[in-house]
Amino acid sequence: MTPHSNSDQPISHGPQPHPVRDYLSEVNALAESPQAQETRRARELLQHPLVHDWVLTEKVQRRLTSERHNIFEALGVAHKENYHSRFMGYLLSPSGEHDQDDVFLRALLQWLVPHPALSPTVRDSVNAYLSPLAVRGTQARITTELDTGGNGRIDLVIELPGGTTIAIENKVYAGEQKDQLSRYWQWLRSSRPSGTAENSALIFLTPDGRAGTTSAAQDAVVRMSYADLANVLEQGAAACPATALPLTQSVSQYTHLCRNIARGSSTMTQPNDDIQKMLDDPAQLATALMVEEQLGEKKKAILKNFALHVVECLNQKLRTDGLYQRPWIASLESDSESNYGIGVEGAFSNNYMCVMENQFRGWINVGWFNASRRQACADASLQEEMLQHLRGRTDNDWWLCVTEPFKNIPEASPLWYETSENFLQIHKDNCDSKHPLANRLAQEVWAVFTPFQARVQKLLSIHASPISSR
């Protein structure tokens, strides 16, 4: 049968398009596109033998040496200011059970004495203490977390024989409170036996040795970094007998932690010389920088996906208990991968809510707070029950009650720090249809939410003026 022809269609006698040829042309064009070239270069870089061998070597090295093991991180206290202060106080105390007299205190004073912020009186006093000819009838006294009354609580206070007082304010991640350093200087001037700034010194200890922002113009503050602290303690440990291994090993782990805090990382990777040389090639470096940019976005996506899995677990629990939108909803804070929880019309409205905060800095906060800043709980007895039941603490700036329920949960360790291994664990959890880690996290939030949700719901008619997001 002759097919019916359409007289309206022109008859072409030229070469006919070939679908396979056109497809191959399109593929070739895509292969030469900038994006495809970047992808190919990135793949070549990641598959480079130096990179591959280095990854394997790192894994073997870690297995053989446990170089990343640190007892302070294992106990979940690596970024707790009060634990740092207590350990420093223990080492600095001449009467400490380390039985090494004042070797660590002397190392600190040797670091301190050349600092230009010291008054001549304090410098003379420290030099007198350090003198080999000094006869000390009384020892220096070390006090941690000293309550100064209305001026706040100072992390560590050193009282030298003769009346010189040296205070240390320690900040790992927390910011300074209002007029904090100035208040401490006021206490040093007015409440100490010396009674003057001439016999006092204030050390501000931070990861990077930054300047304080809450001191007055006349306050001379000595800046000290965690790297400085590591050097001081290593100098003290070097003066200990070689047989004092339990002590020197503990100090070694602590100074390693101090240097990591100073660098802004809890786990450091040593540079590989061969890879560093490879990156001297501009093309390889350009590819590595491009991969780094993409990796940053991927990390954010991994953390956000994990948070959304936690949120979905919480919403499923709300549905099961008939609480979903009656009035509770779990959600993620806008533009955040680390703050999420259960609230009304979303977790971050202007009502009471149960929230989890995870900054991957060695701690995870879970608790209740009022989204209207500086507003205490309208039911004081309810807040007291929260504190007792959750063994938590309060923070009137935000939290009605906050606790850290993950200290003794080993399976939650990937949530503590932003390390490569932890990102891999979180990514695996995202790929696992059961999301065991996300479910475990949701269980802890739920355990904080359920005992109080009914009573908090009665308070939801009390609205404070809304504020900007945290």
Protein backbone atom coordinates (compact mmCIF):
# COMPACT_ATOMS: atom_id res chain seq x y z
CA MET A 1 0.00 0.00 0.00
CA THR A 2 1.34 3.41 -0.90
CA PRO A 3 1.42 5.68 2.09
CA HIS A 4 -0.74 8.74 1.92
CA SER A 5 1.36 11.79 1.20
CA ASN A 6 0.76 15.24 2.57
CA SER A 7 1.01 17.72 -0.24
CA ASP A 8 1.54 20.51 2.30
CA GLN A 9 4.91 19.03 3.40
CA PRO A 10 7.92 20.01 1.30
CA ILE A 11 9.93 17.19 -0.20
CA SER A 12 13.60 17.28 0.85
CA HIS A 13 16.22 15.72 -1.34
CA GLY A 14 19.23 16.66 0.92
CA PRO A 15 20.93 14.48 3.53
CA GLN A 16 18.54 13.32 6.19
CA PRO A 17 19.34 13.90 9.92
CA HIS A 18 20.56 10.78 11.65
CA PRO A 19 19.27 10.43 15.27
CA VAL A 20 22.37 8.52 16.52
CA ARG A 21 24.75 11.02 14.96
CA ASP A 22 22.82 13.92 16.48
CA TYR A 23 22.84 12.23 19.87
CA LEU A 24 26.62 11.70 19.73
CA SER A 25 27.12 15.31 18.72
CA GLU A 26 25.09 16.42 21.70
CA VAL A 27 27.09 14.15 24.01
CA ASN A 28 30.36 15.52 22.66
CA ALA A 29 29.15 19.08 23.18
CA LEU A 30 28.20 18.31 26.79
CA ALA A 31 31.56 16.61 27.38
CA GLU A 32 33.34 19.78 26.32
CA SER A 33 31.20 22.05 28.51
CA PRO A 34 32.99 23.84 31.40
CA GLN A 35 30.93 21.99 33.99
CA ALA A 36 31.82 18.60 32.53
CA GLN A 37 35.49 19.54 32.38
CA GLU A 38 35.42 20.61 36.04
CA THR A 39 33.77 17.34 37.02
CA ARG A 40 36.35 15.35 35.08
CA ARG A 41 39.25 17.24 36.64
CA ALA A 42 37.79 16.78 40.11
CA ARG A 43 37.40 13.05 39.54
CA GLU A 44 40.99 12.80 38.33
CA LEU A 45 42.21 14.66 41.40
CA LEU A 46 40.26 12.50 43.84
CA GLN A 47 41.47 9.34 42.09
CA HIS A 48 45.09 10.47 42.05
CA PRO A 49 47.38 7.76 43.50
CA LEU A 50 48.87 10.18 46.03
CA VAL A 51 45.46 11.03 47.44
CA HIS A 52 44.31 7.41 47.40
CA ASP A 53 47.48 6.14 49.11
CA TRP A 54 47.39 8.93 51.67
CA VAL A 55 43.82 8.06 52.70
CA LEU A 56 44.77 4.42 53.18
CA THR A 57 47.93 5.37 55.09
CA GLU A 58 45.94 7.64 57.41
CA LYS A 59 43.51 4.82 58.21
CA VAL A 60 46.33 2.37 58.95
CA GLN A 61 48.23 4.93 61.03
CA ARG A 62 45.17 5.68 63.12
CA ARG A 63 44.54 1.99 63.68
CA LEU A 64 48.11 1.38 64.83
CA THR A 65 48.51 4.44 67.05
CA SER A 66 45.00 5.58 68.11
CA GLU A 67 46.43 9.06 67.62
CA ARG A 68 43.01 10.67 67.74
CA HIS A 69 42.16 9.19 71.13
CA ASN A 70 41.82 11.84 73.80
CA ILE A 71 40.34 11.11 77.21
CA PHE A 72 38.98 14.65 77.56
CA GLU A 73 37.03 14.37 74.31
CA ALA A 74 35.90 10.84 75.16
CA LEU A 75 34.39 12.17 78.39
CA GLY A 76 32.62 14.95 76.51
CA VAL A 77 34.36 17.74 78.45
CA ALA A 78 36.75 19.01 75.79
CA HIS A 79 34.90 22.29 75.33
CA LYS A 80 33.54 22.78 78.84
CA GLU A 81 35.07 25.87 80.39
CA ASN A 82 34.55 24.74 83.96
CA TYR A 83 36.31 21.40 83.35
CA HIS A 84 39.24 23.19 81.73
CA SER A 85 39.46 25.52 84.72
CA ARG A 86 39.35 22.64 87.18
CA PHE A 87 42.10 20.73 85.41
CA MET A 88 44.25 23.85 85.16
CA GLY A 89 43.64 24.56 88.83
CA TYR A 90 44.62 21.00 89.71
CA LEU A 91 47.91 21.29 87.82
CA LEU A 92 48.74 24.79 89.06
CA SER A 93 48.12 23.98 92.71
CA PRO A 94 51.37 23.24 94.60
CA SER A 95 49.40 20.96 96.91
CA GLY A 96 47.72 19.00 94.10
CA GLU A 97 47.73 15.22 94.16
CA HIS A 98 50.09 15.21 91.19
CA ASP A 99 52.81 15.67 93.91
CA GLN A 100 54.99 17.87 91.70
CA ASP A 101 54.84 20.95 93.92
CA ASP A 102 54.61 24.17 91.86
CA VAL A 103 56.28 23.14 88.59
CA PHE A 104 53.22 24.07 86.51
CA LEU A 105 52.57 27.30 88.41
CA ARG A 106 56.17 28.38 87.93
CA ALA A 107 55.90 27.67 84.20
CA LEU A 108 52.82 29.90 84.02
CA LEU A 109 54.50 32.69 85.96
CA GLN A 110 57.59 32.49 83.74
CA TRP A 111 55.32 32.96 80.72
CA LEU A 112 53.50 35.84 82.43
CA VAL A 113 56.37 37.91 83.82
CA PRO A 114 57.54 39.60 80.57
CA HIS A 115 54.02 40.66 79.57
CA PRO A 116 53.82 44.47 79.18
CA ALA A 117 50.35 44.66 80.76
CA LEU A 118 51.72 43.69 84.19
CA SER A 119 52.21 46.41 86.74
CA PRO A 120 55.76 46.81 88.13
CA THR A 121 54.52 45.62 91.51
CA VAL A 122 53.11 42.38 90.12
CA ARG A 123 56.22 41.80 88.03
CA ASP A 124 58.46 42.25 91.07
CA SER A 125 56.26 39.91 93.09
CA VAL A 126 56.34 37.22 90.41
CA ASN A 127 60.10 37.54 89.99
CA ALA A 128 60.51 37.22 93.75
CA TYR A 129 58.43 34.03 93.72
CA LEU A 130 60.49 32.62 90.84
CA SER A 131 63.83 33.47 92.42
CA PRO A 132 65.96 30.40 93.27
CA LEU A 133 66.80 32.10 96.56
CA ALA A 134 63.16 32.58 97.53
CA VAL A 135 62.13 31.11 100.86
CA ARG A 136 58.41 30.45 100.80
CA GLY A 137 56.96 29.75 104.18
CA THR A 138 53.49 29.52 102.68
CA GLN A 139 52.42 28.12 99.35
CA ALA A 140 50.48 29.86 96.62
CA ARG A 141 46.75 29.21 96.83
CA ILE A 142 44.65 28.23 93.80
CA THR A 143 40.86 28.58 93.73
CA THR A 144 38.60 27.60 90.83
CA GLU A 145 35.17 29.05 90.05
CA LEU A 146 35.46 31.64 92.79
CA ASP A 147 32.18 33.41 93.56
CA THR A 148 32.85 37.16 93.81
CA GLY A 149 29.34 38.05 94.89
CA GLY A 150 27.79 40.69 92.72
CA ASN A 151 30.73 40.72 90.30
CA GLY A 152 30.27 37.17 88.99
CA ARG A 153 32.22 33.93 89.21
CA ILE A 154 35.89 33.95 88.17
CA ASP A 155 37.17 30.74 86.61
CA LEU A 156 40.53 30.60 88.41
CA VAL A 157 42.30 32.75 91.03
CA ILE A 158 45.98 32.47 92.01
CA GLU A 159 47.08 34.09 95.28
CA LEU A 160 50.85 34.37 95.66
CA PRO A 161 52.58 34.77 99.01
CA GLY A 162 52.82 38.48 99.71
CA GLY A 163 49.35 39.45 98.50
CA THR A 164 49.57 39.42 94.69
CA THR A 165 46.40 38.08 93.06
CA ILE A 166 46.20 36.75 89.50
CA ALA A 167 42.76 35.98 88.09
CA ILE A 168 42.12 33.92 84.93
CA GLU A 169 38.90 34.23 82.95
CA ASN A 170 38.54 31.32 80.54
CA LYS A 171 36.39 31.42 77.37
CA VAL A 172 36.33 28.43 75.04
CA TYR A 173 33.27 29.26 72.91
CA ALA A 174 30.98 31.32 75.13
CA GLY A 175 30.94 35.09 74.69
CA GLU A 176 31.65 37.64 77.38
CA GLN A 177 28.86 38.68 79.67
CA LYS A 178 27.98 42.33 80.11
CA ASP A 179 30.95 44.28 81.56
CA GLN A 180 32.44 40.94 82.64
CA LEU A 181 36.16 41.76 82.57
CA SER A 182 35.54 45.22 84.01
CA ARG A 183 33.55 43.70 86.88
CA TYR A 184 36.39 41.29 87.64
CA TRP A 185 38.86 44.16 87.74
CA GLN A 186 36.54 46.01 90.11
CA TRP A 187 36.56 42.98 92.39
CA LEU A 188 40.36 42.72 92.20
CA ARG A 189 40.71 46.39 93.15
CA SER A 190 38.18 46.52 95.95
CA SER A 191 37.81 43.07 97.51
CA ARG A 192 41.27 41.53 97.60
CA PRO A 193 43.74 41.93 100.50
CA SER A 194 46.01 43.95 98.20
CA GLY A 195 43.17 46.36 97.51
CA THR A 196 44.78 47.91 94.41
CA ALA A 197 45.30 47.15 90.75
CA GLU A 198 49.04 47.40 91.35
CA ASN A 199 49.01 44.05 93.15
CA SER A 200 46.62 42.34 90.72
CA ALA A 201 46.65 40.83 87.24
CA LEU A 202 43.83 39.56 85.01
CA ILE A 203 44.49 36.94 82.32
CA PHE A 204 41.91 36.48 79.55
CA LEU A 205 42.30 32.94 78.17
CA THR A 206 40.65 32.22 74.78
CA PRO A 207 41.31 29.80 71.89
CA ASP A 208 43.08 32.45 69.78
CA GLY A 209 44.22 34.91 72.45
CA ARG A 210 41.76 37.56 71.33
CA ALA A 211 41.31 40.88 73.08
CA GLY A 212 38.42 41.22 75.52
CA THR A 213 35.57 43.55 74.66
CA THR A 214 34.18 44.12 78.17
CA SER A 215 37.10 45.72 79.97
CA ALA A 216 37.33 49.41 80.85
CA ALA A 217 40.05 51.68 79.48
CA GLN A 218 42.09 51.51 82.69
CA ASP A 219 41.93 47.70 82.93
CA ALA A 220 45.19 46.02 81.91
CA VAL A 221 44.25 42.56 80.60
CA VAL A 222 46.82 39.90 79.69
CA ARG A 223 45.78 37.99 76.58
CA MET A 224 46.54 34.28 76.51
CA SER A 225 45.73 31.69 73.84
CA TYR A 226 45.21 27.96 74.25
CA ALA A 227 48.44 27.48 72.29
CA ASP A 228 50.20 29.55 74.97
CA LEU A 229 48.60 27.39 77.64
CA ALA A 230 49.84 24.24 75.89
CA ASN A 231 53.40 25.62 75.87
CA VAL A 232 53.19 26.50 79.57
CA LEU A 233 51.95 23.06 80.60
CA GLU A 234 54.51 21.28 78.43
CA GLN A 235 57.23 23.31 80.13
CA GLY A 236 55.85 22.24 83.50
CA ALA A 237 55.63 18.59 82.44
CA ALA A 238 59.26 18.70 81.26
CA ALA A 239 60.27 19.50 84.84
CA CYS A 240 58.52 16.38 86.17
CA PRO A 241 60.44 13.12 86.71
CA ALA A 242 60.52 10.77 83.73
CA THR A 243 58.84 8.17 85.93
CA ALA A 244 55.72 10.33 86.47
CA LEU A 245 54.12 8.80 83.39
CA PRO A 246 50.42 8.91 84.45
CA LEU A 247 50.72 12.66 84.95
CA THR A 248 52.82 13.52 81.91
CA GLN A 249 50.65 11.39 79.61
CA SER A 250 47.52 13.18 80.84
CA VAL A 251 49.19 16.54 80.33
CA SER A 252 50.30 15.48 76.85
CA GLN A 253 46.73 14.63 75.85
CA TYR A 254 45.49 17.89 77.32
CA THR A 255 48.07 20.03 75.52
CA HIS A 256 47.18 18.26 72.27
CA LEU A 257 43.56 19.21 72.89
CA CYS A 258 44.58 22.81 73.70
CA ARG A 259 46.38 23.18 70.38
CA ASN A 260 43.44 21.78 68.49
CA ILE A 261 41.14 24.25 70.23
CA ALA A 262 43.57 27.05 69.32
CA ARG A 263 43.37 25.98 65.68
CA GLY A 264 39.59 25.81 65.80
CA SER A 265 39.45 22.05 65.34
CA SER A 266 39.09 19.13 67.70
CA THR A 267 40.80 16.74 65.28
CA MET A 268 43.74 17.81 63.16
CA THR A 269 45.15 16.17 60.03
CA GLN A 270 48.87 16.42 59.44
CA PRO A 271 49.86 17.77 56.01
CA ASN A 272 51.16 15.28 53.46
CA ASP A 273 54.32 16.59 51.76
CA ASP A 274 53.70 14.76 48.48
CA ILE A 275 50.16 16.08 48.17
CA GLN A 276 51.34 19.56 49.11
CA LYS A 277 53.86 19.44 46.24
CA MET A 278 51.19 18.16 43.85
CA LEU A 279 49.08 21.19 44.73
CA ASP A 280 51.94 23.45 43.62
CA ASP A 281 50.66 22.75 40.10
CA PRO A 282 48.21 25.64 39.39
CA ALA A 283 45.80 23.32 37.58
CA GLN A 284 45.72 20.85 40.46
CA LEU A 285 45.32 23.66 42.99
CA ALA A 286 42.47 25.21 40.99
CA THR A 287 40.71 21.84 40.94
CA ALA A 288 41.26 21.33 44.68
CA LEU A 289 39.84 24.77 45.47
CA MET A 290 36.81 24.03 43.31
CA VAL A 291 36.30 20.73 45.13
CA GLU A 292 36.65 22.54 48.47
CA GLU A 293 33.85 24.96 47.52
CA GLN A 294 31.60 22.08 46.50
CA LEU A 295 32.51 20.17 49.66
CA GLY A 296 31.38 23.05 51.84
CA GLU A 297 27.96 23.01 50.19
CA LYS A 298 27.81 19.24 50.47
CA LYS A 299 28.53 19.39 54.20
CA LYS A 300 25.69 21.85 54.70
CA ALA A 301 23.37 19.60 52.70
CA ILE A 302 24.39 16.53 54.75
CA LEU A 303 23.71 18.31 58.05
CA LYS A 304 20.44 19.78 56.82
CA ASN A 305 19.21 16.42 55.51
CA PHE A 306 20.05 14.83 58.83
CA ALA A 307 18.17 17.58 60.69
CA LEU A 308 15.16 17.09 58.44
CA HIS A 309 15.18 13.36 59.20
CA VAL A 310 15.10 14.18 62.92
CA VAL A 311 12.25 16.62 62.31
CA GLU A 312 10.30 13.98 60.38
CA CYS A 313 10.85 11.47 63.22
CA LEU A 314 9.46 14.01 65.69
CA ASN A 315 6.46 14.80 63.49
CA GLN A 316 5.74 11.08 63.19
CA LYS A 317 5.75 10.81 66.99
CA LEU A 318 3.41 13.79 67.16
CA ARG A 319 1.04 12.12 64.67
CA THR A 320 1.11 8.85 66.61
CA ASP A 321 0.18 10.65 69.83
CA GLY A 322 -2.47 12.81 68.15
CA LEU A 323 -0.53 16.01 68.87
CA TYR A 324 0.42 17.00 65.34
CA GLN A 325 -0.97 20.49 64.69
CA ARG A 326 -2.88 20.17 67.97
CA PRO A 327 -0.97 22.46 68.32
CA TRP A 328 2.54 21.05 67.94
CA ILE A 329 4.71 20.88 64.81
CA ALA A 330 8.38 19.94 64.48
CA SER A 331 10.49 21.99 62.09
CA LEU A 332 13.94 23.29 61.28
CA GLU A 333 14.94 26.85 62.05
CA SER A 334 15.15 28.95 58.90
CA ASP A 335 18.66 29.04 57.35
CA SER A 336 20.02 26.64 59.95
CA GLU A 337 21.34 23.09 59.91
CA SER A 338 21.81 22.87 63.67
CA ASN A 339 18.68 24.22 65.44
CA TYR A 340 15.36 22.42 65.31
CA GLY A 341 12.57 21.28 67.56
CA ILE A 342 8.86 21.23 68.37
CA GLY A 343 6.78 24.37 68.61
CA VAL A 344 3.54 25.97 67.51
CA GLU A 345 3.21 26.81 63.81
CA GLY A 346 6.85 25.79 63.47
CA ALA A 347 9.54 25.38 66.08
CA PHE A 348 10.71 28.99 66.03
CA SER A 349 7.59 31.11 66.47
CA ASN A 350 7.13 33.49 69.40
CA ASN A 351 5.77 30.80 71.73
CA TYR A 352 7.28 28.27 74.10
CA MET A 353 9.04 25.42 72.35
CA CYS A 354 11.20 22.33 72.88
CA VAL A 355 14.41 22.75 70.91
CA MET A 356 17.61 20.91 70.10
CA GLU A 357 20.77 22.94 69.38
CA ASN A 358 23.80 21.20 67.89
CA GLN A 359 26.75 23.36 66.77
CA PHE A 360 29.16 20.37 66.45
CA ARG A 361 31.45 21.89 69.08
CA GLY A 362 31.47 19.08 71.60
CA TRP A 363 28.04 19.67 73.11
CA ILE A 364 24.36 19.25 72.24
CA ASN A 365 21.71 21.25 74.07
CA VAL A 366 18.13 20.07 74.43
CA GLY A 367 15.52 21.93 76.43
CA TRP A 368 12.61 24.32 76.64
CA PHE A 369 12.75 28.04 76.04
CA ASN A 370 10.51 30.99 75.41
CA ALA A 371 11.07 32.48 71.97
CA SER A 372 10.57 35.98 73.35
CA ARG A 373 13.98 36.82 74.68
CA ARG A 374 14.51 37.45 78.40
CA GLN A 375 10.98 36.27 79.21
CA ALA A 376 10.89 33.84 82.11
CA CYS A 377 8.44 30.97 82.24
CA ALA A 378 4.96 32.22 83.14
CA ASP A 379 4.59 29.21 85.44
CA ALA A 380 7.48 29.27 87.92
CA SER A 381 6.56 25.89 89.40
CA LEU A 382 6.60 24.32 85.94
CA GLN A 383 10.04 25.68 85.28
CA GLU A 384 11.30 24.34 88.60
CA GLU A 385 9.91 20.90 87.73
CA MET A 386 11.72 21.06 84.38
CA LEU A 387 15.01 21.83 86.11
CA GLN A 388 14.62 18.99 88.60
CA HIS A 389 13.22 16.39 86.17
CA LEU A 390 15.78 17.03 83.43
CA ARG A 391 18.66 17.79 85.82
CA GLY A 392 19.11 20.90 83.76
CA ARG A 393 20.03 24.50 84.26
CA THR A 394 18.38 27.77 83.29
CA ASP A 395 19.56 30.69 81.20
CA ASN A 396 17.28 33.69 81.40
CA ASP A 397 18.49 35.01 78.04
CA TRP A 398 16.79 32.10 76.25
CA TRP A 399 16.48 28.77 77.94
CA LEU A 400 13.84 28.05 80.57
CA CYS A 401 15.58 24.73 81.09
CA VAL A 402 18.46 23.20 79.13
CA THR A 403 20.28 19.91 79.50
CA GLU A 404 22.89 17.86 77.63
CA PRO A 405 21.50 14.33 77.34
CA PHE A 406 24.14 12.93 74.97
CA LYS A 407 27.22 12.82 77.20
CA ASN A 408 26.91 9.09 77.86
CA ILE A 409 25.51 7.98 74.51
CA PRO A 410 28.44 6.60 72.44
CA GLU A 411 26.33 6.18 69.30
CA ALA A 412 25.75 9.94 69.28
CA SER A 413 29.47 10.74 69.04
CA PRO A 414 29.26 11.65 65.30
CA LEU A 415 27.20 14.67 66.38
CA TRP A 416 29.89 16.19 68.58
CA TYR A 417 32.43 17.58 66.10
CA GLU A 418 32.63 18.40 62.38
CA THR A 419 35.27 15.81 61.48
CA SER A 420 35.58 13.82 58.26
CA GLU A 421 34.70 10.57 60.01
CA ASN A 422 31.65 12.11 61.64
CA PHE A 423 30.39 13.55 58.35
CA LEU A 424 30.69 10.09 56.82
CA GLN A 425 28.70 8.58 59.70
CA ILE A 426 25.96 11.19 59.36
CA HIS A 427 25.87 10.73 55.58
CA LYS A 428 25.50 6.97 56.06
CA ASP A 429 22.61 7.61 58.43
CA ASN A 430 20.98 9.81 55.79
CA CYS A 431 21.32 6.97 53.26
CA ASP A 432 19.95 4.36 55.68
CA SER A 433 16.18 4.11 55.26
CA LYS A 434 15.81 3.48 59.01
CA HIS A 435 17.90 6.56 60.02
CA PRO A 436 19.00 5.04 63.36
CA LEU A 437 21.05 8.06 64.47
CA ALA A 438 18.31 10.57 63.57
CA ASN A 439 15.77 8.42 65.41
CA ARG A 440 18.06 8.26 68.46
CA LEU A 441 18.32 12.02 68.50
CA ALA A 442 14.56 12.40 68.12
CA GLN A 443 14.05 10.09 71.10
CA GLU A 444 16.11 12.38 73.32
CA VAL A 445 14.18 15.46 72.22
CA TRP A 446 10.92 13.58 72.72
CA ALA A 447 11.96 12.60 76.25
CA VAL A 448 12.33 16.30 77.06
CA PHE A 449 9.13 17.28 75.26
CA THR A 450 6.53 14.78 76.51
CA PRO A 451 6.63 15.31 80.30
CA PHE A 452 5.76 19.00 79.95
CA GLN A 453 3.94 19.53 76.64
CA ALA A 454 0.44 19.47 78.14
CA ARG A 455 1.23 22.10 80.78
CA VAL A 456 3.21 24.23 78.36
CA GLN A 457 0.27 24.13 75.96
CA LYS A 458 -1.81 25.93 78.60
CA LEU A 459 0.72 28.77 78.51
CA LEU A 460 0.50 29.27 74.75
CA SER A 461 -2.10 31.98 75.12
CA ILE A 462 0.62 34.10 76.74
CA HIS A 463 2.42 35.83 73.89
CA ALA A 464 5.43 38.04 74.25
CA SER A 465 6.48 40.39 71.48
CA PRO A 466 8.16 38.46 68.67
CA ILE A 467 11.85 38.91 68.08
CA SER A 468 14.30 38.09 65.35
CA SER A 469 15.52 34.54 64.94
CA ARG A 470 18.29 33.38 67.24
